[in-house]
Amino acid sequence: MDPPWFQSRSKREVLEPAAGIIDDERPIRSEVRSGLVRAIALGRLCLQQVSSGKVKDSDEIAAREDRIKRSVHMTISLAFLAPVIVEAAVEGALSVALIH
């Protein structure tokens, strides 16, 4: 028997996409694409600034950008997107199925 303070984690399930969503080849809206490309560029800039030592850490970027640290980390993670995804975003070739 587990101690009273022990809580087990619930199991996670992998959810399959709804039928038909995977085949949706419509391009994403231009506003969404523009925001994504801008965010990728900002993520790459932030990563470069931290890597080069231009800024001390993500706290400094968060203060400068008036954002929370988690938001900066999420933006920096966009710098690691696969090149094929970044290229498709820039060219406007991302489909709705990819972002849902």
PDB file of N, CA and C in Angstrom:
ATOM      1  N   MET A   1       0.838  -1.171   0.000  1.00  0.00           N
ATOM      2  CA  MET A   1       0.000   0.000   0.000  1.00  0.00           C
ATOM      3  C   MET A   1       0.893   1.246   0.000  1.00  0.00           C
ATOM      4  N   ASP A   2       0.502   2.239  -0.813  1.00  0.00           N
ATOM      5  CA  ASP A   2       1.274   3.477  -0.924  1.00  0.00           C
ATOM      6  C   ASP A   2       1.011   4.382   0.271  1.00  0.00           C
ATOM      7  N   PRO A   3       2.027   5.176   0.649  1.00  0.00           N
ATOM      8  CA  PRO A   3       1.814   6.140   1.731  1.00  0.00           C
ATOM      9  C   PRO A   3       0.750   7.166   1.329  1.00  0.00           C
ATOM     10  N   PRO A   4       0.106   7.821   2.293  1.00  0.00           N
ATOM     11  CA  PRO A   4      -0.995   8.732   1.985  1.00  0.00           C
ATOM     12  C   PRO A   4      -0.583   9.935   1.136  1.00  0.00           C
ATOM     13  N   TRP A   5       0.670  10.348   1.167  1.00  0.00           N
ATOM     14  CA  TRP A   5       1.081  11.511   0.386  1.00  0.00           C
ATOM     15  C   TRP A   5       1.459  11.140  -1.052  1.00  0.00           C
ATOM     16  N   PHE A   6       1.530   9.863  -1.334  1.00  0.00           N
ATOM     17  CA  PHE A   6       1.903   9.394  -2.666  1.00  0.00           C
ATOM     18  C   PHE A   6       0.723   9.539  -3.618  1.00  0.00           C
ATOM     19  N   GLN A   7       0.965  10.143  -4.754  1.00  0.00           N
ATOM     20  CA  GLN A   7      -0.067  10.241  -5.783  1.00  0.00           C
ATOM     21  C   GLN A   7       0.489   9.643  -7.060  1.00  0.00           C
ATOM     22  N   SER A   8      -0.239   8.747  -7.612  1.00  0.00           N
ATOM     23  CA  SER A   8       0.223   8.157  -8.865  1.00  0.00           C
ATOM     24  C   SER A   8      -0.170   9.067 -10.025  1.00  0.00           C
ATOM     25  N   ARG A   9       0.623   9.045 -11.036  1.00  0.00           N
ATOM     26  CA  ARG A   9       0.316   9.839 -12.226  1.00  0.00           C
ATOM     27  C   ARG A   9      -0.673   9.092 -13.091  1.00  0.00           C
ATOM     28  N   SER A  10      -1.571   9.828 -13.664  1.00  0.00           N
ATOM     29  CA  SER A  10      -2.510   9.188 -14.578  1.00  0.00           C
ATOM     30  C   SER A  10      -1.772   8.874 -15.880  1.00  0.00           C
ATOM     31  N   LYS A  11      -2.237   7.871 -16.563  1.00  0.00           N
ATOM     32  CA  LYS A  11      -1.609   7.471 -17.816  1.00  0.00           C
ATOM     33  C   LYS A  11      -1.999   8.445 -18.915  1.00  0.00           C
ATOM     34  N   ARG A  12      -1.077   8.683 -19.809  1.00  0.00           N
ATOM     35  CA  ARG A  12      -1.349   9.545 -20.944  1.00  0.00           C
ATOM     36  C   ARG A  12      -1.686   8.692 -22.148  1.00  0.00           C
ATOM     37  N   GLU A  13      -2.594   9.193 -22.946  1.00  0.00           N
ATOM     38  CA  GLU A  13      -2.978   8.481 -24.148  1.00  0.00           C
ATOM     39  C   GLU A  13      -2.550   9.278 -25.367  1.00  0.00           C
ATOM     40  N   VAL A  14      -2.175   8.580 -26.403  1.00  0.00           N
ATOM     41  CA  VAL A  14      -1.879   9.222 -27.673  1.00  0.00           C
ATOM     42  C   VAL A  14      -3.190   9.292 -28.437  1.00  0.00           C
ATOM     43  N   LEU A  15      -3.593  10.501 -28.768  1.00  0.00           N
ATOM     44  CA  LEU A  15      -4.858  10.694 -29.462  1.00  0.00           C
ATOM     45  C   LEU A  15      -4.624  10.752 -30.959  1.00  0.00           C
ATOM     46  N   GLU A  16      -5.432  10.035 -31.680  1.00  0.00           N
ATOM     47  CA  GLU A  16      -5.367  10.056 -33.133  1.00  0.00           C
ATOM     48  C   GLU A  16      -6.151  11.255 -33.645  1.00  0.00           C
ATOM     49  N   PRO A  17      -5.682  11.907 -34.704  1.00  0.00           N
ATOM     50  CA  PRO A  17      -6.430  13.031 -35.251  1.00  0.00           C
ATOM     51  C   PRO A  17      -7.764  12.573 -35.836  1.00  0.00           C
ATOM     52  N   ALA A  18      -8.705  13.477 -35.850  1.00  0.00           N
ATOM     53  CA  ALA A  18     -10.021  13.158 -36.407  1.00  0.00           C
ATOM     54  C   ALA A  18      -9.874  12.828 -37.889  1.00  0.00           C
ATOM     55  N   ALA A  19     -10.755  11.995 -38.369  1.00  0.00           N
ATOM     56  CA  ALA A  19     -10.713  11.578 -39.767  1.00  0.00           C
ATOM     57  C   ALA A  19     -10.817  12.794 -40.677  1.00  0.00           C
ATOM     58  N   GLY A  20      -9.981  12.833 -41.692  1.00  0.00           N
ATOM     59  CA  GLY A  20     -10.035  13.905 -42.668  1.00  0.00           C
ATOM     60  C   GLY A  20      -9.117  15.074 -42.369  1.00  0.00           C
ATOM     61  N   ILE A  21      -8.683  15.237 -41.147  1.00  0.00           N
ATOM     62  CA  ILE A  21      -7.840  16.391 -40.812  1.00  0.00           C
ATOM     63  C   ILE A  21      -6.449  16.239 -41.419  1.00  0.00           C
ATOM     64  N   ILE A  22      -5.913  15.027 -41.411  1.00  0.00           N
ATOM     65  CA  ILE A  22      -4.572  14.793 -41.949  1.00  0.00           C
ATOM     66  C   ILE A  22      -4.513  15.129 -43.443  1.00  0.00           C
ATOM     67  N   ASP A  23      -5.588  14.924 -44.163  1.00  0.00           N
ATOM     68  CA  ASP A  23      -5.604  15.141 -45.604  1.00  0.00           C
ATOM     69  C   ASP A  23      -5.889  16.588 -45.987  1.00  0.00           C
ATOM     70  N   ASP A  24      -6.025  17.471 -45.023  1.00  0.00           N
ATOM     71  CA  ASP A  24      -6.360  18.866 -45.303  1.00  0.00           C
ATOM     72  C   ASP A  24      -5.116  19.585 -45.803  1.00  0.00           C
ATOM     73  N   GLU A  25      -5.048  19.844 -47.075  1.00  0.00           N
ATOM     74  CA  GLU A  25      -3.874  20.447 -47.688  1.00  0.00           C
ATOM     75  C   GLU A  25      -4.001  21.963 -47.865  1.00  0.00           C
ATOM     76  N   ARG A  26      -5.051  22.567 -47.311  1.00  0.00           N
ATOM     77  CA  ARG A  26      -5.193  24.016 -47.435  1.00  0.00           C
ATOM     78  C   ARG A  26      -4.001  24.693 -46.755  1.00  0.00           C
ATOM     79  N   PRO A  27      -3.485  25.767 -47.360  1.00  0.00           N
ATOM     80  CA  PRO A  27      -2.384  26.480 -46.700  1.00  0.00           C
ATOM     81  C   PRO A  27      -2.890  27.233 -45.476  1.00  0.00           C
ATOM     82  N   ILE A  28      -1.990  27.474 -44.528  1.00  0.00           N
ATOM     83  CA  ILE A  28      -2.385  28.231 -43.350  1.00  0.00           C
ATOM     84  C   ILE A  28      -2.637  29.681 -43.763  1.00  0.00           C
ATOM     85  N   ARG A  29      -3.418  30.391 -42.968  1.00  0.00           N
ATOM     86  CA  ARG A  29      -3.735  31.782 -43.270  1.00  0.00           C
ATOM     87  C   ARG A  29      -2.466  32.624 -43.230  1.00  0.00           C
ATOM     88  N   SER A  30      -2.440  33.653 -44.048  1.00  0.00           N
ATOM     89  CA  SER A  30      -1.233  34.478 -44.157  1.00  0.00           C
ATOM     90  C   SER A  30      -0.873  35.151 -42.837  1.00  0.00           C
ATOM     91  N   GLU A  31      -1.890  35.519 -42.030  1.00  0.00           N
ATOM     92  CA  GLU A  31      -1.597  36.143 -40.737  1.00  0.00           C
ATOM     93  C   GLU A  31      -0.902  35.156 -39.799  1.00  0.00           C
ATOM     94  N   VAL A  32      -1.350  33.914 -39.824  1.00  0.00           N
ATOM     95  CA  VAL A  32      -0.753  32.873 -38.987  1.00  0.00           C
ATOM     96  C   VAL A  32       0.679  32.602 -39.455  1.00  0.00           C
ATOM     97  N   ARG A  33       0.852  32.500 -40.759  1.00  0.00           N
ATOM     98  CA  ARG A  33       2.177  32.244 -41.331  1.00  0.00           C
ATOM     99  C   ARG A  33       3.131  33.379 -40.988  1.00  0.00           C
ATOM    100  N   SER A  34       2.681  34.607 -41.120  1.00  0.00           N
ATOM    101  CA  SER A  34       3.503  35.764 -40.814  1.00  0.00           C
ATOM    102  C   SER A  34       3.936  35.768 -39.343  1.00  0.00           C
ATOM    103  N   GLY A  35       3.003  35.473 -38.447  1.00  0.00           N
ATOM    104  CA  GLY A  35       3.324  35.409 -37.024  1.00  0.00           C
ATOM    105  C   GLY A  35       4.299  34.299 -36.707  1.00  0.00           C
ATOM    106  N   LEU A  36       4.137  33.154 -37.362  1.00  0.00           N
ATOM    107  CA  LEU A  36       5.035  32.025 -37.142  1.00  0.00           C
ATOM    108  C   LEU A  36       6.444  32.353 -37.613  1.00  0.00           C
ATOM    109  N   VAL A  37       6.563  32.916 -38.802  1.00  0.00           N
ATOM    110  CA  VAL A  37       7.886  33.259 -39.338  1.00  0.00           C
ATOM    111  C   VAL A  37       8.554  34.310 -38.451  1.00  0.00           C
ATOM    112  N   ARG A  38       7.792  35.279 -37.985  1.00  0.00           N
ATOM    113  CA  ARG A  38       8.337  36.313 -37.090  1.00  0.00           C
ATOM    114  C   ARG A  38       8.816  35.681 -35.777  1.00  0.00           C
ATOM    115  N   ALA A  39       8.037  34.750 -35.241  1.00  0.00           N
ATOM    116  CA  ALA A  39       8.401  34.083 -33.984  1.00  0.00           C
ATOM    117  C   ALA A  39       9.648  33.216 -34.153  1.00  0.00           C
ATOM    118  N   ILE A  40       9.768  32.541 -35.281  1.00  0.00           N
ATOM    119  CA  ILE A  40      10.966  31.740 -35.551  1.00  0.00           C
ATOM    120  C   ILE A  40      12.193  32.645 -35.611  1.00  0.00           C
ATOM    121  N   ALA A  41      12.069  33.780 -36.292  1.00  0.00           N
ATOM    122  CA  ALA A  41      13.186  34.720 -36.388  1.00  0.00           C
ATOM    123  C   ALA A  41      13.574  35.253 -35.010  1.00  0.00           C
ATOM    124  N   LEU A  42      12.576  35.579 -34.190  1.00  0.00           N
ATOM    125  CA  LEU A  42      12.859  36.071 -32.841  1.00  0.00           C
ATOM    126  C   LEU A  42      13.513  34.982 -31.993  1.00  0.00           C
ATOM    127  N   GLY A  43      13.047  33.757 -32.142  1.00  0.00           N
ATOM    128  CA  GLY A  43      13.649  32.644 -31.413  1.00  0.00           C
ATOM    129  C   GLY A  43      15.106  32.445 -31.774  1.00  0.00           C
ATOM    130  N   ARG A  44      15.405  32.548 -33.059  1.00  0.00           N
ATOM    131  CA  ARG A  44      16.794  32.411 -33.509  1.00  0.00           C
ATOM    132  C   ARG A  44      17.651  33.564 -32.991  1.00  0.00           C
ATOM    133  N   LEU A  45      17.089  34.772 -32.990  1.00  0.00           N
ATOM    134  CA  LEU A  45      17.821  35.931 -32.486  1.00  0.00           C
ATOM    135  C   LEU A  45      18.119  35.783 -30.996  1.00  0.00           C
ATOM    136  N   CYS A  46      17.113  35.381 -30.231  1.00  0.00           N
ATOM    137  CA  CYS A  46      17.306  35.203 -28.783  1.00  0.00           C
ATOM    138  C   CYS A  46      18.348  34.130 -28.498  1.00  0.00           C
ATOM    139  N   LEU A  47      18.275  33.016 -29.207  1.00  0.00           N
ATOM    140  CA  LEU A  47      19.254  31.944 -29.025  1.00  0.00           C
ATOM    141  C   LEU A  47      20.660  32.437 -29.344  1.00  0.00           C
ATOM    142  N   GLN A  48      20.787  33.182 -30.429  1.00  0.00           N
ATOM    143  CA  GLN A  48      22.097  33.704 -30.820  1.00  0.00           C
ATOM    144  C   GLN A  48      22.626  34.667 -29.761  1.00  0.00           C
ATOM    145  N   GLN A  49      21.761  35.504 -29.202  1.00  0.00           N
ATOM    146  CA  GLN A  49      22.197  36.463 -28.189  1.00  0.00           C
ATOM    147  C   GLN A  49      22.666  35.768 -26.912  1.00  0.00           C
ATOM    148  N   VAL A  50      21.957  34.724 -26.514  1.00  0.00           N
ATOM    149  CA  VAL A  50      22.365  33.976 -25.316  1.00  0.00           C
ATOM    150  C   VAL A  50      23.648  33.199 -25.594  1.00  0.00           C
ATOM    151  N   SER A  51      23.725  32.550 -26.751  1.00  0.00           N
ATOM    152  CA  SER A  51      24.903  31.743 -27.101  1.00  0.00           C
ATOM    153  C   SER A  51      26.168  32.581 -27.213  1.00  0.00           C
ATOM    154  N   SER A  52      26.022  33.785 -27.758  1.00  0.00           N
ATOM    155  CA  SER A  52      27.190  34.639 -27.965  1.00  0.00           C
ATOM    156  C   SER A  52      27.604  35.396 -26.706  1.00  0.00           C
ATOM    157  N   GLY A  53      26.735  35.401 -25.700  1.00  0.00           N
ATOM    158  CA  GLY A  53      27.039  36.125 -24.480  1.00  0.00           C
ATOM    159  C   GLY A  53      26.601  37.582 -24.520  1.00  0.00           C
ATOM    160  N   LYS A  54      25.912  37.973 -25.603  1.00  0.00           N
ATOM    161  CA  LYS A  54      25.427  39.353 -25.714  1.00  0.00           C
ATOM    162  C   LYS A  54      24.442  39.678 -24.593  1.00  0.00           C
ATOM    163  N   VAL A  55      23.652  38.678 -24.209  1.00  0.00           N
ATOM    164  CA  VAL A  55      22.781  38.809 -23.034  1.00  0.00           C
ATOM    165  C   VAL A  55      23.169  37.712 -22.054  1.00  0.00           C
ATOM    166  N   LYS A  56      22.933  37.974 -20.778  1.00  0.00           N
ATOM    167  CA  LYS A  56      23.353  37.022 -19.740  1.00  0.00           C
ATOM    168  C   LYS A  56      22.524  35.743 -19.779  1.00  0.00           C
ATOM    169  N   ASP A  57      21.193  35.912 -19.857  1.00  0.00           N
ATOM    170  CA  ASP A  57      20.310  34.743 -19.845  1.00  0.00           C
ATOM    171  C   ASP A  57      18.921  35.130 -20.335  1.00  0.00           C
ATOM    172  N   SER A  58      18.019  34.175 -20.297  1.00  0.00           N
ATOM    173  CA  SER A  58      16.662  34.423 -20.792  1.00  0.00           C
ATOM    174  C   SER A  58      15.898  35.398 -19.900  1.00  0.00           C
ATOM    175  N   ASP A  59      16.310  35.544 -18.652  1.00  0.00           N
ATOM    176  CA  ASP A  59      15.676  36.547 -17.775  1.00  0.00           C
ATOM    177  C   ASP A  59      15.883  37.951 -18.338  1.00  0.00           C
ATOM    178  N   GLU A  60      17.058  38.200 -18.849  1.00  0.00           N
ATOM    179  CA  GLU A  60      17.363  39.515 -19.416  1.00  0.00           C
ATOM    180  C   GLU A  60      16.504  39.782 -20.659  1.00  0.00           C
ATOM    181  N   ILE A  61      16.347  38.773 -21.484  1.00  0.00           N
ATOM    182  CA  ILE A  61      15.501  38.923 -22.675  1.00  0.00           C
ATOM    183  C   ILE A  61      14.052  39.140 -22.260  1.00  0.00           C
ATOM    184  N   ALA A  62      13.582  38.384 -21.288  1.00  0.00           N
ATOM    185  CA  ALA A  62      12.202  38.521 -20.823  1.00  0.00           C
ATOM    186  C   ALA A  62      11.935  39.936 -20.310  1.00  0.00           C
ATOM    187  N   ALA A  63      12.856  40.486 -19.559  1.00  0.00           N
ATOM    188  CA  ALA A  63      12.693  41.851 -19.042  1.00  0.00           C
ATOM    189  C   ALA A  63      12.679  42.858 -20.192  1.00  0.00           C
ATOM    190  N   ARG A  64      13.571  42.679 -21.138  1.00  0.00           N
ATOM    191  CA  ARG A  64      13.661  43.601 -22.276  1.00  0.00           C
ATOM    192  C   ARG A  64      12.405  43.559 -23.143  1.00  0.00           C
ATOM    193  N   GLU A  65      11.880  42.353 -23.364  1.00  0.00           N
ATOM    194  CA  GLU A  65      10.721  42.166 -24.240  1.00  0.00           C
ATOM    195  C   GLU A  65       9.383  42.287 -23.497  1.00  0.00           C
ATOM    196  N   ASP A  66       9.439  42.524 -22.182  1.00  0.00           N
ATOM    197  CA  ASP A  66       8.249  42.597 -21.332  1.00  0.00           C
ATOM    198  C   ASP A  66       7.413  41.323 -21.462  1.00  0.00           C
ATOM    199  N   ARG A  67       8.098  40.188 -21.300  1.00  0.00           N
ATOM    200  CA  ARG A  67       7.471  38.870 -21.381  1.00  0.00           C
ATOM    201  C   ARG A  67       7.905  38.064 -20.172  1.00  0.00           C
ATOM    202  N   ILE A  68       7.237  36.931 -19.982  1.00  0.00           N
ATOM    203  CA  ILE A  68       7.657  36.044 -18.908  1.00  0.00           C
ATOM    204  C   ILE A  68       8.736  35.103 -19.444  1.00  0.00           C
ATOM    205  N   LYS A  69       9.516  34.557 -18.529  1.00  0.00           N
ATOM    206  CA  LYS A  69      10.647  33.696 -18.900  1.00  0.00           C
ATOM    207  C   LYS A  69      10.182  32.487 -19.724  1.00  0.00           C
ATOM    208  N   ARG A  70       9.059  31.909 -19.351  1.00  0.00           N
ATOM    209  CA  ARG A  70       8.544  30.736 -20.069  1.00  0.00           C
ATOM    210  C   ARG A  70       8.253  31.076 -21.533  1.00  0.00           C
ATOM    211  N   SER A  71       7.709  32.262 -21.771  1.00  0.00           N
ATOM    212  CA  SER A  71       7.420  32.694 -23.130  1.00  0.00           C
ATOM    213  C   SER A  71       8.706  32.804 -23.948  1.00  0.00           C
ATOM    214  N   VAL A  72       9.755  33.307 -23.332  1.00  0.00           N
ATOM    215  CA  VAL A  72      11.045  33.412 -24.012  1.00  0.00           C
ATOM    216  C   VAL A  72      11.580  32.019 -24.334  1.00  0.00           C
ATOM    217  N   HIS A  73      11.471  31.104 -23.392  1.00  0.00           N
ATOM    218  CA  HIS A  73      11.941  29.730 -23.634  1.00  0.00           C
ATOM    219  C   HIS A  73      11.166  29.080 -24.773  1.00  0.00           C
ATOM    220  N   MET A  74       9.861  29.294 -24.811  1.00  0.00           N
ATOM    221  CA  MET A  74       9.053  28.711 -25.890  1.00  0.00           C
ATOM    222  C   MET A  74       9.440  29.317 -27.238  1.00  0.00           C
ATOM    223  N   THR A  75       9.741  30.610 -27.244  1.00  0.00           N
ATOM    224  CA  THR A  75      10.160  31.261 -28.482  1.00  0.00           C
ATOM    225  C   THR A  75      11.516  30.729 -28.926  1.00  0.00           C
ATOM    226  N   ILE A  76      12.443  30.568 -28.004  1.00  0.00           N
ATOM    227  CA  ILE A  76      13.763  30.027 -28.345  1.00  0.00           C
ATOM    228  C   ILE A  76      13.640  28.611 -28.905  1.00  0.00           C
ATOM    229  N   SER A  77      12.687  27.843 -28.409  1.00  0.00           N
ATOM    230  CA  SER A  77      12.525  26.472 -28.917  1.00  0.00           C
ATOM    231  C   SER A  77      12.186  26.457 -30.404  1.00  0.00           C
ATOM    232  N   LEU A  78      11.595  27.538 -30.920  1.00  0.00           N
ATOM    233  CA  LEU A  78      11.289  27.600 -32.352  1.00  0.00           C
ATOM    234  C   LEU A  78      12.557  27.660 -33.201  1.00  0.00           C
ATOM    235  N   ALA A  79      13.678  28.031 -32.609  1.00  0.00           N
ATOM    236  CA  ALA A  79      14.948  28.062 -33.338  1.00  0.00           C
ATOM    237  C   ALA A  79      15.407  26.654 -33.713  1.00  0.00           C
ATOM    238  N   PHE A  80      14.822  25.644 -33.087  1.00  0.00           N
ATOM    239  CA  PHE A  80      15.230  24.263 -33.331  1.00  0.00           C
ATOM    240  C   PHE A  80      14.263  23.504 -34.243  1.00  0.00           C
ATOM    241  N   LEU A  81      13.343  24.228 -34.874  1.00  0.00           N
ATOM    242  CA  LEU A  81      12.444  23.569 -35.827  1.00  0.00           C
ATOM    243  C   LEU A  81      13.256  23.006 -36.986  1.00  0.00           C
ATOM    244  N   ALA A  82      12.761  21.922 -37.543  1.00  0.00           N
ATOM    245  CA  ALA A  82      13.438  21.312 -38.686  1.00  0.00           C
ATOM    246  C   ALA A  82      13.498  22.312 -39.839  1.00  0.00           C
ATOM    247  N   PRO A  83      14.622  22.364 -40.528  1.00  0.00           N
ATOM    248  CA  PRO A  83      14.764  23.315 -41.637  1.00  0.00           C
ATOM    249  C   PRO A  83      13.658  23.191 -42.686  1.00  0.00           C
ATOM    250  N   VAL A  84      13.182  21.993 -42.929  1.00  0.00           N
ATOM    251  CA  VAL A  84      12.134  21.804 -43.929  1.00  0.00           C
ATOM    252  C   VAL A  84      10.833  22.491 -43.489  1.00  0.00           C
ATOM    253  N   ILE A  85      10.566  22.526 -42.194  1.00  0.00           N
ATOM    254  CA  ILE A  85       9.371  23.202 -41.689  1.00  0.00           C
ATOM    255  C   ILE A  85       9.535  24.710 -41.800  1.00  0.00           C
ATOM    256  N   VAL A  86      10.709  25.211 -41.461  1.00  0.00           N
ATOM    257  CA  VAL A  86      10.968  26.653 -41.569  1.00  0.00           C
ATOM    258  C   VAL A  86      10.865  27.090 -43.026  1.00  0.00           C
ATOM    259  N   GLU A  87      11.449  26.322 -43.917  1.00  0.00           N
ATOM    260  CA  GLU A  87      11.391  26.638 -45.352  1.00  0.00           C
ATOM    261  C   GLU A  87       9.948  26.664 -45.842  1.00  0.00           C
ATOM    262  N   ALA A  88       9.162  25.675 -45.427  1.00  0.00           N
ATOM    263  CA  ALA A  88       7.756  25.629 -45.839  1.00  0.00           C
ATOM    264  C   ALA A  88       6.982  26.829 -45.287  1.00  0.00           C
ATOM    265  N   ALA A  89       7.294  27.244 -44.070  1.00  0.00           N
ATOM    266  CA  ALA A  89       6.632  28.407 -43.477  1.00  0.00           C
ATOM    267  C   ALA A  89       6.966  29.671 -44.260  1.00  0.00           C
ATOM    268  N   VAL A  90       8.225  29.847 -44.585  1.00  0.00           N
ATOM    269  CA  VAL A  90       8.663  31.037 -45.319  1.00  0.00           C
ATOM    270  C   VAL A  90       8.039  31.068 -46.711  1.00  0.00           C
ATOM    271  N   GLU A  91       7.958  29.918 -47.360  1.00  0.00           N
ATOM    272  CA  GLU A  91       7.414  29.839 -48.717  1.00  0.00           C
ATOM    273  C   GLU A  91       5.886  29.820 -48.756  1.00  0.00           C
ATOM    274  N   GLY A  92       5.261  29.696 -47.584  1.00  0.00           N
ATOM    275  CA  GLY A  92       3.799  29.643 -47.544  1.00  0.00           C
ATOM    276  C   GLY A  92       3.241  28.287 -47.922  1.00  0.00           C
ATOM    277  N   ALA A  93       4.037  27.250 -47.723  1.00  0.00           N
ATOM    278  CA  ALA A  93       3.624  25.904 -48.116  1.00  0.00           C
ATOM    279  C   ALA A  93       3.160  25.030 -46.962  1.00  0.00           C
ATOM    280  N   LEU A  94       3.058  25.579 -45.744  1.00  0.00           N
ATOM    281  CA  LEU A  94       2.558  24.793 -44.619  1.00  0.00           C
ATOM    282  C   LEU A  94       1.062  24.591 -44.765  1.00  0.00           C
ATOM    283  N   SER A  95       0.624  23.368 -44.499  1.00  0.00           N
ATOM    284  CA  SER A  95      -0.806  23.101 -44.597  1.00  0.00           C
ATOM    285  C   SER A  95      -1.481  23.224 -43.244  1.00  0.00           C
ATOM    286  N   VAL A  96      -2.777  23.394 -43.271  1.00  0.00           N
ATOM    287  CA  VAL A  96      -3.574  23.485 -42.049  1.00  0.00           C
ATOM    288  C   VAL A  96      -3.404  22.220 -41.221  1.00  0.00           C
ATOM    289  N   ALA A  97      -3.263  21.075 -41.864  1.00  0.00           N
ATOM    290  CA  ALA A  97      -3.124  19.803 -41.161  1.00  0.00           C
ATOM    291  C   ALA A  97      -1.903  19.777 -40.260  1.00  0.00           C
ATOM    292  N   LEU A  98      -0.846  20.452 -40.634  1.00  0.00           N
ATOM    293  CA  LEU A  98       0.384  20.433 -39.860  1.00  0.00           C
ATOM    294  C   LEU A  98       0.266  21.178 -38.542  1.00  0.00           C
ATOM    295  N   ILE A  99      -0.511  22.243 -38.517  1.00  0.00           N
ATOM    296  CA  ILE A  99      -0.589  23.042 -37.296  1.00  0.00           C
ATOM    297  C   ILE A  99      -1.736  22.640 -36.386  1.00  0.00           C
ATOM    298  N   HIS A 100      -2.544  21.710 -36.783  1.00  0.00           N
ATOM    299  CA  HIS A 100      -3.665  21.259 -35.917  1.00  0.00           C
ATOM    300  C   HIS A 100      -3.360  19.995 -35.231  1.00  0.00           C
TER     301      HIS A 100
END
